[in-house]
Amino acid sequence: MSTKPLAKRIAIACGGTGGHLFPGLAVGDALVARGCEVTLLVSPKEVDQTAVRSAYGMQVESLPVVALSGNLPRFAAGFWSSLGQCRRLFREHRPDVVLAMGGFTSAPPVVAGKLAGARIFLHEANAVPGRAVKLLAPLADEVFVQFPTAMPRVLSTDIHATGLPVRSAMEPLAKADARVALGLADDQPVLLVMGGSQGAESINQTVTAALPRLAKAVPGLQFIHLTGSGGGIEPVRRAYDALGLQAVVRPFLTEMEYALGAADLAVSRSGASSLAEFSAMELPAILIPYPTAVDDHQRLNAQSFVDIGAARCFHQKQLTPSLLVSQLSELFGTPAKLESMAGAMKQWKAAQATEEVVQRMFDVCGWEDVAADELLFTLPSGKEAAA
């Protein structure tokens, strides 16, 4: 029997929104599979606390940090509280690496990790880098980006366009199987409506207002509608029930692979993580960028997909019930157009993004990858593979 090697410790700061959280979970899963000890640093927000329930084999720590907004005293208090918590945590279990996925949970772990002597890695998901990544980049050993257009905007000599890590479950499914798993008919088309992890009230309202005309224009259309956690689920559910439409209405779905696998088309915001998952699942989309996103980054995210013919994009002010019915009638009435858009989605697919990020971290740290047979002796007690 070989001697058990010292486990590599990685802290992943990935909270705040699904766009930061889910890529962090994807990397965490890959690291756990290599025998690493992984700690997820997240926010207390509901989306984080719900999603991390599926984080197998990882420790989870919630940080009290808050977003940088007009309330600077509140931000400063949250930052110092989170920094203190990270420093205490890193004194007890010093990480070899801190990986920050961007957003307001990134700064305290990166600063604490730097002080503890850890290697620092950053990942920027959006076409326009956020403030956290731009400010922290000089501290990083390497920076990863999803969009190559983001590279000139980051002050780093070691920057790589890797794509955005997505969960291993994000692989195209048989539509019939995914639909049955959600309680939908397996032989009728499906529209997915979502606003990202936070939801989108304007999208919810426009879609429900369009339902009477849409039900006539696209007979048999089924719906998966993720309203977000803002408390607006009941009016949406009543709108579908009043028309007798087949719909799965939920605030949030952890097993997004079923929703993406069941759908023929999505109506969605253009957050970076959602776009990466659409690409992984080859799902075309009508994109409605969040109009007040910092630096208009959602519009620029969307443009990359519009340019290759994988999506259509409309400003929120353009999204009327009439426009929505017109677009959906055209696309569902012309399956060849949907197939063409789905094929174009493959062009943006970064199938190896997770592996590339993990491998770069191993290379920079000078770590050898753990062979499969070694993992038999390094998995936690009770998880050893049978001989």
Foldseek 3Di string as FASTA:
>chain_A
DDDADDAAEEEEEFEDFPLRNQLSLQLLVVSVLLLHAYEYEYAPDPLNVVQCVPSPRYHYDHAQADFDDPPVVNNVVSLVRRLVVLLVVCVVPPHQEYEYADDRRRPSNLVSNVVSVHAYEYEALFLAGDPVQQVCQVSHPAYEYQDPNHVVVHPHPHYYHQHGRHHPLLAADQLLVLQVVLVHHSPAAEEEEAAGQAADVLSLVQVLVLVVVLCVLRPRYEYEYAHADPPPQVVSVVSCVVVVHHYHTHNDDNPCSSVLNNHLEYEYAQRRRVLQSCLNNLHAYEYEHDPPPVVSRSVVSVVVLVVLLLYHYDYSVPRHSVVVSVVVSVCVVDVVSSVSNSVSSPVSHSPCSSVVVVVVVCVVSVHDGRDPVSVLVSNPPPPRDDD
